[in-house]
Amino acid sequence: MIRRLLSLLFLVWALGFLWFVVALPQPAEEGVTTDAVIVPTGGPGRIARGLAVLKAGEAERMLVSGVDPEVRPQEFAAQFGVSPREMACCITLGFAAVDTRSNAAETAKWVAQNEVRSLRLVTTDWHMRRAAGELDRTLPGHVTVIRDAVPSQPNLRTLFLEYHKLIASRAAGLADL
C-alpha cells in the first residue's frame, strides 16, 4: 500500500516537473496596456523588458522590486540608459524585498499607494508561476495582473530548484487558507 502511494506521488511529481519544463510561460501579447509594470530583480532581461514596456506606452510607471540598497537611482539610470525625467516621473526603485514573497509584499504596498488597478508582471519564464502566485495571494482581487515572461534558456538545475520552490510556495499558500 505504501509502495503504491509513493509510486503515485513520484508519478505526480515527475509529470508536474515535465509540465513545468515543457510549458514555460510566454511573453504577453503586444499592445496590452496596464497602469504599471512590476519587475522583480534577479534575472537577465527583466529590467530591459520592463523599460521597453514603459517606453512603448504600455504602462505609465514601473516598480523595480528588490533593488540592492546600495544602488543609487543615478547608477540605475546610467546602467539602463534612463533619463532623469523618466526616473522622476515613472520609475520607482523598491529596496524592501529580498525574495519572491517580499517582492509581492513590496508590490502590494506600492500598488495601494499608487492606486494601481492593473499591472504587468515582468519576470523570467521559469520564475513567472511562483512570482504570479505570490502576487495573487498578496494583491487585492480588483487588481488585474498580466503575465509577461522574459524567455530564457535555463539549465536543468535552475528548473529543478524553481519547481521545488513553486511546490513549497503553493503548499505555503494552502497552509494560509
N, C-alpha and C. Protein backbone atom coordinates (compact mmCIF):
# COMPACT_ATOMS: atom_id res chain seq x y z
N MET A 1 0.82 -1.19 0.00
CA MET A 1 0.00 0.00 0.00
C MET A 1 0.87 1.27 0.00
N ILE A 2 1.86 1.31 0.89
CA ILE A 2 2.74 2.48 0.97
C ILE A 2 3.57 2.60 -0.30
N ARG A 3 3.97 1.46 -0.83
CA ARG A 3 4.76 1.46 -2.06
C ARG A 3 3.95 2.06 -3.22
N ARG A 4 2.70 1.72 -3.32
CA ARG A 4 1.82 2.26 -4.37
C ARG A 4 1.63 3.76 -4.19
N LEU A 5 1.43 4.16 -2.96
CA LEU A 5 1.26 5.59 -2.68
C LEU A 5 2.52 6.36 -3.05
N LEU A 6 3.68 5.85 -2.68
CA LEU A 6 4.94 6.51 -3.04
C LEU A 6 5.14 6.54 -4.55
N SER A 7 4.77 5.46 -5.21
CA SER A 7 4.87 5.42 -6.68
C SER A 7 3.95 6.45 -7.32
N LEU A 8 2.75 6.56 -6.79
CA LEU A 8 1.80 7.56 -7.30
C LEU A 8 2.33 8.98 -7.06
N LEU A 9 2.85 9.24 -5.89
CA LEU A 9 3.41 10.56 -5.59
C LEU A 9 4.58 10.89 -6.51
N PHE A 10 5.44 9.90 -6.76
CA PHE A 10 6.56 10.13 -7.66
C PHE A 10 6.07 10.41 -9.07
N LEU A 11 5.06 9.68 -9.52
CA LEU A 11 4.50 9.89 -10.86
C LEU A 11 3.91 11.30 -10.98
N VAL A 12 3.16 11.73 -9.98
CA VAL A 12 2.60 13.08 -9.98
C VAL A 12 3.72 14.11 -10.00
N TRP A 13 4.74 13.92 -9.17
CA TRP A 13 5.88 14.83 -9.14
C TRP A 13 6.56 14.90 -10.51
N ALA A 14 6.83 13.74 -11.12
CA ALA A 14 7.54 13.67 -12.40
C ALA A 14 6.71 14.32 -13.52
N LEU A 15 5.42 14.04 -13.56
CA LEU A 15 4.56 14.66 -14.58
C LEU A 15 4.47 16.18 -14.37
N GLY A 16 4.42 16.58 -13.12
CA GLY A 16 4.41 18.01 -12.82
C GLY A 16 5.69 18.69 -13.26
N PHE A 17 6.80 18.06 -13.03
CA PHE A 17 8.09 18.63 -13.45
C PHE A 17 8.16 18.70 -14.97
N LEU A 18 7.69 17.66 -15.64
CA LEU A 18 7.67 17.67 -17.11
C LEU A 18 6.83 18.83 -17.62
N TRP A 19 5.64 19.00 -17.06
CA TRP A 19 4.77 20.13 -17.43
C TRP A 19 5.50 21.46 -17.18
N PHE A 20 6.12 21.58 -16.02
CA PHE A 20 6.82 22.81 -15.64
C PHE A 20 7.89 23.17 -16.67
N VAL A 21 8.65 22.17 -17.14
CA VAL A 21 9.75 22.39 -18.07
C VAL A 21 9.26 22.67 -19.49
N VAL A 22 8.27 21.92 -19.93
CA VAL A 22 7.82 21.99 -21.33
C VAL A 22 6.93 23.20 -21.58
N ALA A 23 6.16 23.61 -20.59
CA ALA A 23 5.17 24.67 -20.79
C ALA A 23 5.53 25.94 -20.03
N LEU A 24 6.75 26.43 -20.22
CA LEU A 24 7.15 27.66 -19.55
C LEU A 24 6.27 28.82 -20.04
N PRO A 25 5.91 29.74 -19.15
CA PRO A 25 5.09 30.88 -19.55
C PRO A 25 5.74 31.69 -20.67
N GLN A 26 4.91 32.38 -21.43
CA GLN A 26 5.34 33.12 -22.61
C GLN A 26 5.22 34.63 -22.37
N PRO A 27 5.81 35.43 -23.26
CA PRO A 27 5.63 36.89 -23.18
C PRO A 27 4.15 37.26 -23.40
N ALA A 28 3.76 38.41 -22.88
CA ALA A 28 2.40 38.90 -23.08
C ALA A 28 2.24 39.35 -24.53
N GLU A 29 1.00 39.43 -24.96
CA GLU A 29 0.72 39.93 -26.30
C GLU A 29 1.13 41.39 -26.40
N GLU A 30 1.57 41.79 -27.58
CA GLU A 30 1.95 43.19 -27.82
C GLU A 30 0.70 44.07 -27.74
N GLY A 31 0.89 45.29 -27.29
CA GLY A 31 -0.19 46.26 -27.27
C GLY A 31 -1.08 46.22 -26.04
N VAL A 32 -0.86 45.28 -25.13
CA VAL A 32 -1.65 45.21 -23.90
C VAL A 32 -1.17 46.32 -22.97
N THR A 33 -2.10 47.15 -22.51
CA THR A 33 -1.71 48.26 -21.63
C THR A 33 -2.19 47.99 -20.20
N THR A 34 -1.40 48.47 -19.26
CA THR A 34 -1.72 48.38 -17.84
C THR A 34 -1.32 49.71 -17.18
N ASP A 35 -1.77 49.90 -15.97
CA ASP A 35 -1.38 51.11 -15.23
C ASP A 35 0.11 51.10 -14.92
N ALA A 36 0.65 49.92 -14.62
CA ALA A 36 2.05 49.83 -14.17
C ALA A 36 2.68 48.53 -14.63
N VAL A 37 4.00 48.54 -14.60
CA VAL A 37 4.78 47.33 -14.84
C VAL A 37 5.62 47.08 -13.59
N ILE A 38 5.64 45.81 -13.17
CA ILE A 38 6.38 45.40 -11.97
C ILE A 38 7.50 44.48 -12.42
N VAL A 39 8.73 44.78 -11.99
CA VAL A 39 9.88 43.97 -12.36
C VAL A 39 10.65 43.57 -11.11
N PRO A 40 10.53 42.30 -10.69
CA PRO A 40 11.39 41.85 -9.61
C PRO A 40 12.82 41.66 -10.14
N THR A 41 13.80 42.11 -9.40
CA THR A 41 15.19 41.96 -9.84
C THR A 41 15.59 40.50 -9.77
N GLY A 42 16.69 40.15 -10.45
CA GLY A 42 17.22 38.82 -10.29
C GLY A 42 17.56 38.08 -11.57
N GLY A 43 16.95 38.40 -12.66
CA GLY A 43 17.23 37.64 -13.88
C GLY A 43 17.56 38.55 -15.04
N PRO A 44 18.38 38.07 -15.96
CA PRO A 44 18.76 38.90 -17.11
C PRO A 44 17.55 39.20 -17.99
N GLY A 45 17.51 40.41 -18.51
CA GLY A 45 16.46 40.81 -19.44
C GLY A 45 15.20 41.35 -18.80
N ARG A 46 15.04 41.18 -17.50
CA ARG A 46 13.81 41.63 -16.84
C ARG A 46 13.66 43.15 -16.89
N ILE A 47 14.68 43.86 -16.43
CA ILE A 47 14.60 45.32 -16.37
C ILE A 47 14.51 45.90 -17.77
N ALA A 48 15.29 45.37 -18.70
CA ALA A 48 15.23 45.85 -20.09
C ALA A 48 13.82 45.68 -20.65
N ARG A 49 13.19 44.54 -20.38
CA ARG A 49 11.82 44.32 -20.86
C ARG A 49 10.85 45.30 -20.21
N GLY A 50 10.98 45.51 -18.92
CA GLY A 50 10.12 46.48 -18.23
C GLY A 50 10.26 47.88 -18.80
N LEU A 51 11.50 48.29 -19.06
CA LEU A 51 11.73 49.61 -19.65
C LEU A 51 11.15 49.69 -21.06
N ALA A 52 11.22 48.62 -21.82
CA ALA A 52 10.64 48.60 -23.17
C ALA A 52 9.12 48.77 -23.10
N VAL A 53 8.49 48.14 -22.14
CA VAL A 53 7.04 48.28 -21.94
C VAL A 53 6.71 49.73 -21.62
N LEU A 54 7.50 50.33 -20.75
CA LEU A 54 7.30 51.73 -20.36
C LEU A 54 7.48 52.65 -21.57
N LYS A 55 8.55 52.46 -22.31
CA LYS A 55 8.83 53.31 -23.47
C LYS A 55 7.78 53.16 -24.57
N ALA A 56 7.19 51.97 -24.68
CA ALA A 56 6.15 51.72 -25.69
C ALA A 56 4.81 52.30 -25.28
N GLY A 57 4.73 52.85 -24.08
CA GLY A 57 3.47 53.42 -23.60
C GLY A 57 2.46 52.38 -23.16
N GLU A 58 2.93 51.17 -22.89
CA GLU A 58 2.04 50.10 -22.46
C GLU A 58 1.83 50.11 -20.95
N ALA A 59 2.52 50.99 -20.25
CA ALA A 59 2.35 51.23 -18.81
C ALA A 59 2.82 52.64 -18.53
N GLU A 60 2.25 53.24 -17.49
CA GLU A 60 2.59 54.63 -17.16
C GLU A 60 3.76 54.74 -16.19
N ARG A 61 3.94 53.70 -15.36
CA ARG A 61 5.01 53.75 -14.36
C ARG A 61 5.51 52.34 -14.10
N MET A 62 6.65 52.28 -13.41
CA MET A 62 7.30 50.99 -13.19
C MET A 62 7.88 50.92 -11.79
N LEU A 63 7.68 49.77 -11.16
CA LEU A 63 8.34 49.46 -9.89
C LEU A 63 9.36 48.37 -10.16
N VAL A 64 10.60 48.63 -9.78
CA VAL A 64 11.64 47.61 -9.81
C VAL A 64 11.79 47.17 -8.35
N SER A 65 11.34 45.95 -8.07
CA SER A 65 11.29 45.45 -6.71
C SER A 65 12.53 44.64 -6.37
N GLY A 66 13.05 44.84 -5.17
CA GLY A 66 14.19 44.06 -4.71
C GLY A 66 15.54 44.62 -5.12
N VAL A 67 15.61 45.91 -5.31
CA VAL A 67 16.87 46.55 -5.69
C VAL A 67 17.81 46.55 -4.48
N ASP A 68 19.06 46.27 -4.72
CA ASP A 68 20.06 46.29 -3.66
C ASP A 68 20.10 47.69 -3.04
N PRO A 69 20.05 47.79 -1.71
CA PRO A 69 20.04 49.10 -1.05
C PRO A 69 21.23 50.00 -1.38
N GLU A 70 22.32 49.42 -1.86
CA GLU A 70 23.50 50.22 -2.20
C GLU A 70 23.38 50.88 -3.58
N VAL A 71 22.41 50.47 -4.39
CA VAL A 71 22.23 51.03 -5.73
C VAL A 71 21.54 52.40 -5.59
N ARG A 72 22.12 53.39 -6.21
CA ARG A 72 21.54 54.74 -6.22
C ARG A 72 20.76 54.94 -7.51
N PRO A 73 19.69 55.74 -7.46
CA PRO A 73 18.90 55.98 -8.67
C PRO A 73 19.74 56.44 -9.86
N GLN A 74 20.76 57.26 -9.60
CA GLN A 74 21.61 57.74 -10.70
C GLN A 74 22.38 56.59 -11.34
N GLU A 75 22.83 55.64 -10.51
CA GLU A 75 23.54 54.47 -11.03
C GLU A 75 22.61 53.60 -11.87
N PHE A 76 21.40 53.40 -11.39
CA PHE A 76 20.41 52.64 -12.13
C PHE A 76 20.14 53.30 -13.48
N ALA A 77 19.91 54.62 -13.45
CA ALA A 77 19.63 55.37 -14.67
C ALA A 77 20.78 55.26 -15.67
N ALA A 78 22.00 55.38 -15.19
CA ALA A 78 23.16 55.29 -16.08
C ALA A 78 23.30 53.89 -16.66
N GLN A 79 23.11 52.87 -15.85
CA GLN A 79 23.27 51.50 -16.32
C GLN A 79 22.24 51.13 -17.38
N PHE A 80 21.01 51.64 -17.24
CA PHE A 80 19.94 51.23 -18.15
C PHE A 80 19.54 52.32 -19.14
N GLY A 81 20.28 53.43 -19.18
CA GLY A 81 20.01 54.48 -20.15
C GLY A 81 18.68 55.17 -19.93
N VAL A 82 18.36 55.46 -18.69
CA VAL A 82 17.09 56.10 -18.34
C VAL A 82 17.34 57.58 -18.07
N SER A 83 16.52 58.43 -18.65
CA SER A 83 16.68 59.88 -18.47
C SER A 83 16.27 60.29 -17.06
N PRO A 84 16.81 61.42 -16.56
CA PRO A 84 16.39 61.91 -15.24
C PRO A 84 14.89 62.18 -15.18
N ARG A 85 14.32 62.68 -16.27
CA ARG A 85 12.87 62.95 -16.30
C ARG A 85 12.09 61.65 -16.13
N GLU A 86 12.51 60.60 -16.85
CA GLU A 86 11.83 59.32 -16.76
C GLU A 86 11.97 58.71 -15.36
N MET A 87 13.14 58.85 -14.76
CA MET A 87 13.34 58.35 -13.39
C MET A 87 12.40 59.07 -12.43
N ALA A 88 12.30 60.39 -12.58
CA ALA A 88 11.49 61.19 -11.66
C ALA A 88 9.99 60.91 -11.80
N CYS A 89 9.54 60.75 -13.00
CA CYS A 89 8.09 60.61 -13.21
C CYS A 89 7.60 59.18 -13.13
N CYS A 90 8.43 58.24 -13.55
CA CYS A 90 7.84 56.96 -13.92
C CYS A 90 8.46 55.72 -13.27
N ILE A 91 9.61 55.84 -12.66
CA ILE A 91 10.30 54.64 -12.17
C ILE A 91 10.54 54.75 -10.66
N THR A 92 10.10 53.73 -9.96
CA THR A 92 10.33 53.62 -8.52
C THR A 92 11.24 52.44 -8.27
N LEU A 93 12.29 52.67 -7.52
CA LEU A 93 13.17 51.59 -7.10
C LEU A 93 12.74 51.14 -5.71
N GLY A 94 12.40 49.88 -5.60
CA GLY A 94 11.98 49.32 -4.32
C GLY A 94 13.13 48.59 -3.66
N PHE A 95 13.44 48.96 -2.44
CA PHE A 95 14.60 48.40 -1.73
C PHE A 95 14.22 47.44 -0.61
N ALA A 96 12.93 47.17 -0.41
CA ALA A 96 12.49 46.39 0.74
C ALA A 96 12.53 44.88 0.52
N ALA A 97 12.44 44.43 -0.70
CA ALA A 97 12.31 42.98 -0.97
C ALA A 97 13.66 42.28 -1.05
N VAL A 98 13.66 41.04 -0.57
CA VAL A 98 14.87 40.22 -0.63
C VAL A 98 14.60 38.86 -1.28
N ASP A 99 13.33 38.54 -1.54
CA ASP A 99 12.96 37.28 -2.17
C ASP A 99 11.60 37.45 -2.86
N THR A 100 11.11 36.39 -3.45
CA THR A 100 9.88 36.47 -4.23
C THR A 100 8.68 36.85 -3.37
N ARG A 101 8.59 36.29 -2.19
CA ARG A 101 7.47 36.61 -1.30
C ARG A 101 7.50 38.09 -0.89
N SER A 102 8.69 38.60 -0.56
CA SER A 102 8.76 40.02 -0.17
C SER A 102 8.64 40.93 -1.38
N ASN A 103 8.95 40.44 -2.60
CA ASN A 103 8.65 41.21 -3.82
C ASN A 103 7.14 41.44 -3.90
N ALA A 104 6.36 40.41 -3.61
CA ALA A 104 4.91 40.53 -3.66
C ALA A 104 4.40 41.51 -2.61
N ALA A 105 4.97 41.46 -1.41
CA ALA A 105 4.56 42.40 -0.35
C ALA A 105 4.92 43.84 -0.72
N GLU A 106 6.13 44.02 -1.24
CA GLU A 106 6.55 45.36 -1.66
C GLU A 106 5.66 45.88 -2.79
N THR A 107 5.33 45.00 -3.72
CA THR A 107 4.46 45.37 -4.84
C THR A 107 3.07 45.74 -4.35
N ALA A 108 2.50 44.96 -3.45
CA ALA A 108 1.16 45.23 -2.93
C ALA A 108 1.10 46.60 -2.25
N LYS A 109 2.11 46.92 -1.48
CA LYS A 109 2.16 48.22 -0.81
C LYS A 109 2.24 49.35 -1.84
N TRP A 110 3.10 49.20 -2.85
CA TRP A 110 3.26 50.21 -3.90
C TRP A 110 1.99 50.35 -4.72
N VAL A 111 1.34 49.24 -5.04
CA VAL A 111 0.09 49.25 -5.80
C VAL A 111 -0.98 50.04 -5.04
N ALA A 112 -1.09 49.81 -3.74
CA ALA A 112 -2.08 50.53 -2.93
C ALA A 112 -1.76 52.03 -2.86
N GLN A 113 -0.50 52.38 -2.67
CA GLN A 113 -0.10 53.79 -2.59
C GLN A 113 -0.33 54.53 -3.90
N ASN A 114 -0.22 53.82 -5.02
CA ASN A 114 -0.32 54.46 -6.34
C ASN A 114 -1.65 54.19 -7.04
N GLU A 115 -2.59 53.58 -6.32
CA GLU A 115 -3.93 53.31 -6.84
C GLU A 115 -3.88 52.59 -8.19
N VAL A 116 -3.05 51.58 -8.28
CA VAL A 116 -2.90 50.79 -9.50
C VAL A 116 -4.02 49.76 -9.56
N ARG A 117 -4.68 49.68 -10.71
CA ARG A 117 -5.76 48.71 -10.89
C ARG A 117 -5.37 47.58 -11.84
N SER A 118 -4.30 47.81 -12.60
CA SER A 118 -3.82 46.75 -13.50
C SER A 118 -2.30 46.85 -13.58
N LEU A 119 -1.66 45.70 -13.63
CA LEU A 119 -0.20 45.71 -13.73
C LEU A 119 0.27 44.58 -14.62
N ARG A 120 1.45 44.77 -15.14
CA ARG A 120 2.13 43.76 -15.95
C ARG A 120 3.32 43.28 -15.13
N LEU A 121 3.32 41.99 -14.85
CA LEU A 121 4.43 41.37 -14.13
C LEU A 121 5.45 40.90 -15.15
N VAL A 122 6.66 41.44 -15.07
CA VAL A 122 7.75 41.05 -15.97
C VAL A 122 8.79 40.31 -15.15
N THR A 123 8.94 39.03 -15.46
CA THR A 123 9.97 38.23 -14.82
C THR A 123 10.36 37.09 -15.76
N THR A 124 11.38 36.38 -15.41
CA THR A 124 11.88 35.31 -16.25
C THR A 124 10.85 34.18 -16.36
N ASP A 125 10.80 33.51 -17.51
CA ASP A 125 9.79 32.48 -17.76
C ASP A 125 9.74 31.42 -16.66
N TRP A 126 10.89 30.95 -16.20
CA TRP A 126 10.91 29.90 -15.18
C TRP A 126 10.46 30.41 -13.81
N HIS A 127 10.48 31.69 -13.58
CA HIS A 127 10.13 32.31 -12.30
C HIS A 127 8.68 32.80 -12.27
N MET A 128 8.04 32.89 -13.43
CA MET A 128 6.73 33.53 -13.54
C MET A 128 5.66 32.88 -12.68
N ARG A 129 5.54 31.59 -12.70
CA ARG A 129 4.43 30.94 -11.96
C ARG A 129 4.50 31.25 -10.46
N ARG A 130 5.67 31.16 -9.91
CA ARG A 130 5.81 31.41 -8.46
C ARG A 130 5.60 32.88 -8.14
N ALA A 131 6.19 33.77 -8.94
CA ALA A 131 6.03 35.21 -8.70
C ALA A 131 4.57 35.63 -8.84
N ALA A 132 3.89 35.12 -9.87
CA ALA A 132 2.48 35.46 -10.06
C ALA A 132 1.62 34.87 -8.94
N GLY A 133 1.95 33.68 -8.50
CA GLY A 133 1.20 33.07 -7.39
C GLY A 133 1.32 33.88 -6.11
N GLU A 134 2.53 34.34 -5.82
CA GLU A 134 2.72 35.19 -4.62
C GLU A 134 1.93 36.49 -4.75
N LEU A 135 1.94 37.09 -5.95
CA LEU A 135 1.16 38.31 -6.17
C LEU A 135 -0.33 38.05 -6.01
N ASP A 136 -0.81 36.94 -6.57
CA ASP A 136 -2.24 36.59 -6.46
C ASP A 136 -2.68 36.50 -5.01
N ARG A 137 -1.81 35.97 -4.15
CA ARG A 137 -2.14 35.85 -2.73
C ARG A 137 -2.05 37.18 -1.98
N THR A 138 -1.30 38.12 -2.52
CA THR A 138 -1.00 39.36 -1.80
C THR A 138 -1.84 40.54 -2.26
N LEU A 139 -2.11 40.63 -3.55
CA LEU A 139 -2.84 41.78 -4.09
C LEU A 139 -4.34 41.66 -3.85
N PRO A 140 -5.03 42.80 -3.75
CA PRO A 140 -6.49 42.75 -3.67
C PRO A 140 -7.07 42.18 -4.97
N GLY A 141 -8.25 41.60 -4.88
CA GLY A 141 -8.87 40.94 -6.02
C GLY A 141 -9.18 41.83 -7.20
N HIS A 142 -9.32 43.13 -6.98
CA HIS A 142 -9.68 44.03 -8.09
C HIS A 142 -8.49 44.41 -8.98
N VAL A 143 -7.27 44.01 -8.61
CA VAL A 143 -6.08 44.33 -9.40
C VAL A 143 -5.86 43.24 -10.44
N THR A 144 -5.84 43.63 -11.71
CA THR A 144 -5.58 42.70 -12.81
C THR A 144 -4.08 42.56 -13.01
N VAL A 145 -3.62 41.32 -13.16
CA VAL A 145 -2.20 41.05 -13.38
C VAL A 145 -2.02 40.38 -14.74
N ILE A 146 -1.25 41.03 -15.61
CA ILE A 146 -0.89 40.45 -16.91
C ILE A 146 0.51 39.86 -16.75
N ARG A 147 0.65 38.61 -17.15
CA ARG A 147 1.95 37.93 -17.04
C ARG A 147 2.74 38.13 -18.33
N ASP A 148 3.95 38.65 -18.19
CA ASP A 148 4.82 38.91 -19.34
C ASP A 148 6.18 38.27 -19.07
N ALA A 149 6.33 37.02 -19.50
CA ALA A 149 7.54 36.26 -19.21
C ALA A 149 8.67 36.63 -20.16
N VAL A 150 9.84 36.78 -19.60
CA VAL A 150 11.06 37.02 -20.38
C VAL A 150 11.64 35.65 -20.74
N PRO A 151 11.69 35.31 -22.03
CA PRO A 151 12.23 34.00 -22.42
C PRO A 151 13.69 33.84 -22.00
N SER A 152 14.03 32.63 -21.59
CA SER A 152 15.39 32.35 -21.17
C SER A 152 15.75 30.94 -21.60
N GLN A 153 16.95 30.56 -21.30
CA GLN A 153 17.39 29.19 -21.55
C GLN A 153 17.95 28.63 -20.24
N PRO A 154 17.05 28.32 -19.31
CA PRO A 154 17.51 27.86 -18.00
C PRO A 154 18.12 26.47 -18.08
N ASN A 155 19.08 26.24 -17.20
CA ASN A 155 19.65 24.89 -17.13
C ASN A 155 18.76 24.00 -16.26
N LEU A 156 19.02 22.72 -16.28
CA LEU A 156 18.21 21.76 -15.55
C LEU A 156 18.22 22.03 -14.05
N ARG A 157 19.34 22.46 -13.53
CA ARG A 157 19.44 22.76 -12.09
C ARG A 157 18.50 23.90 -11.70
N THR A 158 18.48 24.96 -12.51
CA THR A 158 17.59 26.10 -12.25
C THR A 158 16.14 25.65 -12.27
N LEU A 159 15.78 24.87 -13.28
CA LEU A 159 14.40 24.39 -13.39
C LEU A 159 14.03 23.49 -12.22
N PHE A 160 14.94 22.62 -11.83
CA PHE A 160 14.70 21.70 -10.72
C PHE A 160 14.46 22.48 -9.42
N LEU A 161 15.34 23.43 -9.14
CA LEU A 161 15.20 24.24 -7.92
C LEU A 161 13.92 25.06 -7.94
N GLU A 162 13.62 25.69 -9.07
CA GLU A 162 12.43 26.53 -9.15
C GLU A 162 11.15 25.71 -9.04
N TYR A 163 11.15 24.52 -9.60
CA TYR A 163 9.97 23.65 -9.49
C TYR A 163 9.70 23.34 -8.02
N HIS A 164 10.74 23.06 -7.26
CA HIS A 164 10.54 22.76 -5.85
C HIS A 164 10.16 24.00 -5.04
N LYS A 165 10.68 25.15 -5.43
CA LYS A 165 10.26 26.40 -4.77
C LYS A 165 8.78 26.68 -5.06
N LEU A 166 8.34 26.37 -6.29
CA LEU A 166 6.93 26.54 -6.64
C LEU A 166 6.05 25.62 -5.80
N ILE A 167 6.45 24.38 -5.66
CA ILE A 167 5.69 23.44 -4.82
C ILE A 167 5.61 23.96 -3.39
N ALA A 168 6.74 24.41 -2.85
CA ALA A 168 6.75 24.93 -1.48
C ALA A 168 5.88 26.17 -1.34
N SER A 169 5.93 27.04 -2.35
CA SER A 169 5.12 28.26 -2.32
C SER A 169 3.63 27.93 -2.35
N ARG A 170 3.26 26.99 -3.20
CA ARG A 170 1.85 26.58 -3.26
C ARG A 170 1.41 25.93 -1.97
N ALA A 171 2.27 25.11 -1.38
CA ALA A 171 1.95 24.46 -0.10
C ALA A 171 1.78 25.51 0.99
N ALA A 172 2.64 26.51 1.01
CA ALA A 172 2.52 27.60 2.00
C ALA A 172 1.23 28.36 1.78
N GLY A 173 0.85 28.56 0.53
CA GLY A 173 -0.41 29.24 0.22
C GLY A 173 -1.60 28.46 0.72
N LEU A 174 -1.56 27.14 0.58
CA LEU A 174 -2.65 26.29 1.09
C LEU A 174 -2.70 26.33 2.61
N ALA A 175 -1.54 26.38 3.23
CA ALA A 175 -1.49 26.43 4.70
C ALA A 175 -2.07 27.74 5.22
N ASP A 176 -1.99 28.81 4.41
CA ASP A 176 -2.52 30.11 4.83
C ASP A 176 -4.05 30.15 4.79
N LEU A 177 -4.66 29.19 4.08
CA LEU A 177 -6.13 29.19 3.95
C LEU A 177 -6.79 28.85 5.20
